[in-house]
Amino acid sequence: MGNKIEITREKWRRLRKTSTFHDIVLFFVFVAVATLFWVILALNDNAQDSINVKVAINNCPDSVTFISDIPEKLHVTVRDKGTNLWRNHYRHPTMGINFKEFASKGILHYSKNDIVASLKTIFGSGAQIVSISQDSIHLAYTTNKGRRVPVVVNGDATAASGSVIEGRMRPRPSNVLVYGDVELTDTIHKVYTEPLMLAELSETTTVEVKIRKIPGVRIMPSVVSVTVPVEPLVKKEALITITPVNVPRGKSLLLFPSKVPVEYYVAMSRLDDDDDPSIEVYADYNSINDASDGKINVRVVRYPERLKNLSLKSDSVEFTVVRN
């Protein structure tokens, strides 16, 4: 291995001493110099390009809240020397608007002439402003304090098989501040999220959702986190007392057995809950005429929605009618 490396080095030393090698090196040097001169000349020619200019509001009091959305940036098409355009691309230009100079009576107005004058300052007097994405900036603002209102989730969610949505969708924060004219904000008692549809959830899920905008009002924050609580379903069984109904006066309906087993599914967190009092099973005296083999049908008439797939393990029991 060492001999091969030494042989390779010797070949390289011989190659460097040849005139052919020197000619090749000289050729590439000339190509590099020519390319450099070409780039310099090209950059000194006039060119046209689109540049993003950030927008910043300066000297704005803390008591001010903008109702209108402040544009993040302007797309400006500029014609200038290539070197200037290249430099402006990488220095991230920002157009500052002095709040105290251009704001009055709830409106900040920055005209097209103001924008062009600012851009001339940024790009230089030799630059030609070809087009601007926004002719003027017109922003409404208020100095009124925000009014706190609750957030209502406008959405629907379904759980995957074997799971259940246990509880309401919870927004965080649960309250937001609304800013604007007092006459308007006083009429707002709640705000709603944009529509949210989630399906086949198998675990607790949190998503970011925008608050639905209200004309003339600023809502802060404008985005909330919505959590959908999802739990696995677990199987439960219970013995429920059968209640005779429609029994005539002077008679009693005796049932054997007096309790019937039911099975159902609940969220895991409710496994230890006492569900028996909330489940009602009836035996209707009026169905005796339809009874066969000395048995009367029983049926579940009421149970909470949180109990899923509830069913009777036996739908009839033996009975006897006794006169009192």
Protein backbone atom coordinates (compact mmCIF):
# COMPACT_ATOMS: atom_id res chain seq x y z
CA MET A 1 0.00 0.00 0.00
CA GLY A 2 2.85 2.38 0.89
CA ASN A 3 4.59 1.66 -2.44
CA LYS A 4 1.44 2.55 -4.39
CA ILE A 5 1.12 5.89 -2.59
CA GLU A 6 4.79 6.68 -3.25
CA ILE A 7 4.42 5.79 -6.93
CA THR A 8 1.35 8.04 -7.21
CA ARG A 9 3.21 10.95 -5.61
CA GLU A 10 6.12 10.49 -8.01
CA LYS A 11 3.78 10.57 -11.03
CA TRP A 12 2.15 13.77 -9.69
CA ARG A 13 5.59 15.46 -9.29
CA ARG A 14 6.51 14.55 -12.88
CA LEU A 15 3.18 15.80 -14.20
CA ARG A 16 3.57 19.19 -12.52
CA LYS A 17 6.91 19.70 -14.29
CA THR A 18 5.42 19.18 -17.78
CA SER A 19 4.51 22.09 -20.07
CA THR A 20 1.08 20.57 -20.71
CA PHE A 21 0.19 20.83 -17.03
CA HIS A 22 1.27 24.48 -16.91
CA ASP A 23 -0.80 25.25 -20.01
CA ILE A 24 -3.91 23.69 -18.44
CA VAL A 25 -3.46 25.64 -15.19
CA LEU A 26 -2.95 28.88 -17.13
CA PHE A 27 -6.10 28.18 -19.17
CA PHE A 28 -8.29 27.76 -16.07
CA VAL A 29 -6.82 30.90 -14.49
CA PHE A 30 -7.82 32.92 -17.58
CA VAL A 31 -11.30 31.36 -17.54
CA ALA A 32 -11.75 32.29 -13.87
CA VAL A 33 -10.59 35.88 -14.44
CA ALA A 34 -12.84 36.24 -17.52
CA THR A 35 -15.81 34.88 -15.56
CA LEU A 36 -15.15 37.33 -12.74
CA PHE A 37 -15.02 40.28 -15.15
CA TRP A 38 -18.21 39.08 -16.83
CA VAL A 39 -20.04 38.91 -13.48
CA ILE A 40 -18.83 42.40 -12.53
CA LEU A 41 -19.94 43.86 -15.87
CA ALA A 42 -23.29 42.04 -15.71
CA LEU A 43 -23.98 43.34 -12.20
CA ASN A 44 -23.22 46.90 -13.32
CA ASP A 45 -25.88 46.67 -16.04
CA ASN A 46 -29.40 47.81 -15.24
CA ALA A 47 -31.77 44.99 -14.28
CA GLN A 48 -35.23 44.54 -12.81
CA ASP A 49 -36.15 42.38 -9.86
CA SER A 50 -38.82 41.91 -7.17
CA ILE A 51 -37.69 42.53 -3.58
CA ASN A 52 -39.60 41.97 -0.34
CA VAL A 53 -39.60 45.02 1.94
CA LYS A 54 -40.64 44.47 5.56
CA VAL A 55 -43.14 46.89 7.14
CA ALA A 56 -42.59 48.14 10.71
CA ILE A 57 -44.66 50.60 12.77
CA ASN A 58 -42.32 52.72 14.88
CA ASN A 59 -43.01 54.85 17.99
CA CYS A 60 -46.35 53.13 18.61
CA PRO A 61 -47.68 53.58 22.20
CA ASP A 62 -48.36 50.43 24.22
CA SER A 63 -51.99 51.52 24.65
CA VAL A 64 -52.65 51.18 20.91
CA THR A 65 -54.14 48.01 19.41
CA PHE A 66 -54.47 47.76 15.65
CA ILE A 67 -57.85 46.53 14.42
CA SER A 68 -56.59 46.10 10.85
CA ASP A 69 -53.92 43.56 9.98
CA ILE A 70 -50.54 45.21 9.54
CA PRO A 71 -49.00 44.03 6.25
CA GLU A 72 -45.95 41.93 6.98
CA LYS A 73 -44.15 43.05 3.82
CA LEU A 74 -44.52 44.77 0.46
CA HIS A 75 -43.50 43.17 -2.82
CA VAL A 76 -41.62 45.89 -4.69
CA THR A 77 -40.38 45.64 -8.27
CA VAL A 78 -37.21 47.73 -8.64
CA ARG A 79 -35.08 48.62 -11.65
CA ASP A 80 -31.48 49.42 -10.77
CA LYS A 81 -27.90 48.30 -11.23
CA GLY A 82 -27.39 44.59 -10.68
CA THR A 83 -24.96 45.18 -7.82
CA ASN A 84 -27.51 47.31 -5.96
CA LEU A 85 -30.28 44.75 -6.50
CA TRP A 86 -28.03 41.93 -5.28
CA ARG A 87 -27.05 43.92 -2.18
CA ASN A 88 -30.69 44.79 -1.34
CA HIS A 89 -31.73 41.15 -1.60
CA TYR A 90 -29.38 40.20 1.22
CA ARG A 91 -29.76 43.14 3.57
CA HIS A 92 -33.52 42.54 4.14
CA PRO A 93 -34.77 46.15 3.76
CA THR A 94 -37.41 47.47 6.16
CA MET A 95 -39.81 50.36 5.65
CA GLY A 96 -40.47 52.08 8.99
CA ILE A 97 -43.69 54.08 9.51
CA ASN A 98 -43.70 56.66 12.29
CA PHE A 99 -46.98 56.16 14.17
CA LYS A 100 -46.94 59.59 15.78
CA GLU A 101 -46.58 61.30 12.40
CA PHE A 102 -49.16 59.39 10.36
CA ALA A 103 -51.80 58.30 12.90
CA SER A 104 -54.79 60.38 13.91
CA LYS A 105 -58.32 59.74 15.27
CA GLY A 106 -58.17 55.94 15.07
CA ILE A 107 -56.63 55.74 11.57
CA LEU A 108 -53.03 55.40 10.44
CA HIS A 109 -52.78 56.46 6.79
CA TYR A 110 -49.65 56.02 4.71
CA SER A 111 -50.25 57.20 1.15
CA LYS A 112 -48.70 55.98 -2.09
CA ASN A 113 -46.45 59.05 -2.17
CA ASP A 114 -45.29 58.27 1.37
CA ILE A 115 -44.50 54.68 0.38
CA VAL A 116 -42.58 55.73 -2.74
CA ALA A 117 -40.59 58.32 -0.75
CA SER A 118 -39.64 55.67 1.82
CA LEU A 119 -38.63 53.20 -0.88
CA LYS A 120 -36.48 55.85 -2.58
CA THR A 121 -34.71 56.33 0.74
CA ILE A 122 -34.18 52.58 1.04
CA PHE A 123 -33.06 51.82 -2.54
CA GLY A 124 -31.48 55.16 -3.39
CA SER A 125 -32.48 57.97 -5.72
CA GLY A 126 -31.05 56.14 -8.74
CA ALA A 127 -33.45 53.23 -8.36
CA GLN A 128 -36.69 53.16 -10.33
CA ILE A 129 -39.75 51.86 -8.47
CA VAL A 130 -41.65 49.93 -11.15
CA SER A 131 -44.52 48.54 -9.05
CA ILE A 132 -45.66 48.08 -5.45
CA SER A 133 -47.97 45.33 -4.23
CA GLN A 134 -49.95 47.83 -2.14
CA ASP A 135 -50.78 51.39 -3.21
CA SER A 136 -51.29 52.67 0.34
CA ILE A 137 -51.53 51.50 3.93
CA HIS A 138 -54.74 52.30 5.81
CA LEU A 139 -54.92 50.85 9.34
CA ALA A 140 -57.64 51.25 11.96
CA TYR A 141 -56.60 51.22 15.60
CA THR A 142 -58.05 51.79 19.06
CA THR A 143 -56.82 52.83 22.47
CA ASN A 144 -59.78 51.20 24.26
CA LYS A 145 -59.03 48.35 26.65
CA GLY A 146 -59.89 44.84 25.54
CA ARG A 147 -63.06 43.11 26.71
CA ARG A 148 -62.71 39.50 27.83
CA VAL A 149 -65.16 37.01 26.29
CA PRO A 150 -65.33 33.18 26.23
CA VAL A 151 -64.36 31.04 23.25
CA VAL A 152 -66.88 28.56 21.83
CA VAL A 153 -65.50 25.68 19.77
CA ASN A 154 -67.42 25.36 16.51
CA GLY A 155 -66.64 21.80 15.64
CA ASP A 156 -67.42 18.13 15.66
CA ALA A 157 -65.29 15.09 16.36
CA THR A 158 -65.79 11.35 16.20
CA ALA A 159 -63.80 8.59 17.83
CA ALA A 160 -62.37 5.48 16.22
CA SER A 161 -63.85 2.08 16.99
CA GLY A 162 -63.03 1.06 20.57
CA SER A 163 -62.62 4.66 21.75
CA VAL A 164 -64.93 7.41 22.95
CA ILE A 165 -64.82 11.19 23.20
CA GLU A 166 -65.12 11.77 26.93
CA GLY A 167 -66.14 15.36 27.57
CA ARG A 168 -66.28 18.58 25.58
CA MET A 169 -63.70 20.01 23.24
CA ARG A 170 -61.67 22.40 25.39
CA PRO A 171 -60.17 25.63 23.98
CA ARG A 172 -57.03 27.10 25.51
CA PRO A 173 -57.12 29.89 26.36
CA SER A 174 -60.81 29.64 27.13
CA ASN A 175 -61.19 33.44 27.00
CA VAL A 176 -59.84 36.05 24.59
CA LEU A 177 -59.79 39.85 24.42
CA VAL A 178 -61.82 41.78 21.83
CA TYR A 179 -60.74 45.30 20.89
CA GLY A 180 -62.65 47.98 19.03
CA ASP A 181 -65.29 50.66 19.52
CA VAL A 182 -67.05 50.20 22.86
CA GLU A 183 -70.45 50.32 21.13
CA LEU A 184 -69.44 47.24 19.14
CA THR A 185 -67.46 45.23 21.69
CA ASP A 186 -70.24 45.60 24.29
CA THR A 187 -72.51 43.55 21.99
CA ILE A 188 -70.04 40.66 21.78
CA HIS A 189 -70.59 38.04 24.49
CA LYS A 190 -68.69 35.13 22.94
CA VAL A 191 -66.50 34.31 19.96
CA TYR A 192 -66.40 31.18 17.83
CA THR A 193 -63.60 29.21 16.27
CA GLU A 194 -63.45 28.44 12.59
CA PRO A 195 -65.22 25.13 11.77
CA LEU A 196 -63.29 22.12 13.06
CA MET A 197 -63.98 18.57 11.88
CA LEU A 198 -62.00 15.61 13.26
CA ALA A 199 -62.71 11.93 12.69
CA GLU A 200 -61.46 8.49 13.73
CA LEU A 201 -59.63 9.76 16.81
CA SER A 202 -58.03 7.03 18.91
CA GLU A 203 -56.25 9.26 21.44
CA THR A 204 -56.55 12.71 22.99
CA THR A 205 -55.78 15.23 20.26
CA THR A 206 -54.84 18.93 20.36
CA VAL A 207 -54.99 21.16 17.27
CA GLU A 208 -54.50 24.88 16.56
CA VAL A 209 -57.66 26.64 15.36
CA LYS A 210 -58.21 30.25 14.28
CA ILE A 211 -60.88 32.41 15.88
CA ARG A 212 -63.56 33.50 13.40
CA LYS A 213 -63.00 37.16 12.56
CA ILE A 214 -65.53 39.87 13.43
CA PRO A 215 -65.56 42.98 11.18
CA GLY A 216 -64.25 46.04 12.97
CA VAL A 217 -62.88 44.04 15.90
CA ARG A 218 -59.44 42.75 16.84
CA ILE A 219 -59.37 39.42 18.70
CA MET A 220 -56.28 38.53 20.71
CA PRO A 221 -55.07 35.89 20.60
CA SER A 222 -56.47 35.05 17.17
CA VAL A 223 -55.56 31.36 17.47
CA VAL A 224 -56.41 28.90 20.25
CA SER A 225 -55.49 25.30 21.01
CA VAL A 226 -58.45 22.93 21.04
CA THR A 227 -58.14 19.63 22.90
CA VAL A 228 -60.45 16.71 22.17
CA PRO A 229 -60.36 14.22 25.10
CA VAL A 230 -60.39 10.64 23.82
CA GLU A 231 -60.33 7.48 25.97
CA PRO A 232 -60.47 3.74 25.28
CA LEU A 233 -63.78 1.96 25.95
CA VAL A 234 -63.89 -0.79 28.59
CA LYS A 235 -66.61 -3.38 29.15
CA LYS A 236 -68.80 -3.38 32.28
CA GLU A 237 -71.62 -5.60 33.56
CA ALA A 238 -74.30 -4.87 36.14
CA LEU A 239 -77.44 -6.42 37.68
CA ILE A 240 -80.33 -3.98 37.29
CA THR A 241 -83.60 -4.25 39.23
CA ILE A 242 -86.61 -4.68 36.93
CA THR A 243 -89.44 -2.21 37.57
CA PRO A 244 -93.01 -3.48 36.86
CA VAL A 245 -95.20 -0.82 35.17
CA ASN A 246 -98.91 -0.47 34.33
CA VAL A 247 -99.87 -2.95 37.08
CA PRO A 248 -103.62 -2.61 37.94
CA ARG A 249 -104.66 -1.58 41.43
CA GLY A 250 -105.10 -4.58 43.69
CA LYS A 251 -102.55 -6.71 41.85
CA SER A 252 -98.79 -7.25 42.05
CA LEU A 253 -96.40 -8.49 39.41
CA LEU A 254 -93.74 -10.75 40.86
CA LEU A 255 -90.68 -11.35 38.70
CA PHE A 256 -88.19 -14.22 38.85
CA PRO A 257 -85.43 -13.12 38.93
CA SER A 258 -86.13 -9.55 39.96
CA LYS A 259 -82.85 -8.34 38.45
CA VAL A 260 -81.48 -8.75 34.97
CA PRO A 261 -77.84 -8.60 33.83
CA VAL A 262 -76.84 -5.87 31.37
CA GLU A 263 -73.53 -5.20 29.69
CA TYR A 264 -72.17 -2.01 28.15
CA TYR A 265 -69.00 -0.02 27.50
CA VAL A 266 -67.76 3.12 29.24
CA ALA A 267 -64.73 5.39 29.09
CA MET A 268 -61.83 4.00 31.12
CA SER A 269 -61.92 6.94 33.54
CA ARG A 270 -65.55 6.03 34.43
CA LEU A 271 -64.91 2.36 35.12
CA ASP A 272 -65.47 2.79 38.86
CA ASP A 273 -68.64 4.93 38.54
CA ASP A 274 -71.90 3.55 39.98
CA ASP A 275 -74.05 3.39 36.84
CA ASP A 276 -76.86 1.19 38.25
CA PRO A 277 -79.20 4.01 39.40
CA SER A 278 -79.10 5.59 35.94
CA ILE A 279 -80.23 2.43 34.08
CA GLU A 280 -83.98 1.67 34.04
CA VAL A 281 -85.41 -1.69 32.96
CA TYR A 282 -89.20 -2.16 32.75
CA ALA A 283 -91.55 -5.12 32.62
CA ASP A 284 -94.93 -3.99 31.23
CA TYR A 285 -97.99 -5.68 32.76
CA ASN A 286 -99.93 -4.96 29.57
CA SER A 287 -97.67 -7.36 27.67
CA ILE A 288 -98.76 -10.38 29.74
CA ASN A 289 -101.19 -11.47 27.03
CA ASP A 290 -98.25 -11.77 24.65
CA ALA A 291 -96.18 -13.72 27.17
CA SER A 292 -95.20 -17.25 26.21
CA ASP A 293 -93.84 -20.07 28.35
CA GLY A 294 -94.73 -18.11 31.47
CA LYS A 295 -92.20 -15.38 30.71
CA ILE A 296 -92.65 -11.63 30.27
CA ASN A 297 -90.44 -9.45 28.12
CA VAL A 298 -88.25 -6.83 29.76
CA ARG A 299 -86.66 -3.83 28.05
CA VAL A 300 -84.26 -1.02 28.78
CA VAL A 301 -86.12 2.29 28.67
CA ARG A 302 -83.51 4.75 29.85
CA TYR A 303 -79.74 5.01 30.32
CA PRO A 304 -77.11 7.78 30.03
CA GLU A 305 -75.58 8.56 26.64
CA ARG A 306 -72.12 7.94 28.08
CA LEU A 307 -72.94 4.19 28.27
CA LYS A 308 -72.22 2.70 24.87
CA ASN A 309 -73.73 -0.41 23.21
CA LEU A 310 -75.85 -1.29 26.25
CA SER A 311 -77.71 -4.61 25.91
CA LEU A 312 -79.64 -7.07 28.05
CA LYS A 313 -78.11 -10.51 28.52
CA SER A 314 -81.66 -11.85 29.00
CA ASP A 315 -84.73 -10.20 27.48
CA SER A 316 -87.41 -12.06 29.48
CA VAL A 317 -88.06 -13.39 32.99
CA GLU A 318 -90.65 -15.59 34.64
CA PHE A 319 -93.56 -13.88 36.39
CA THR A 320 -96.51 -14.41 38.66
CA VAL A 321 -99.54 -12.14 39.17
CA VAL A 322 -100.66 -11.89 42.79
CA ARG A 323 -103.87 -10.31 44.04
CA ASN A 324 -103.33 -8.04 47.04
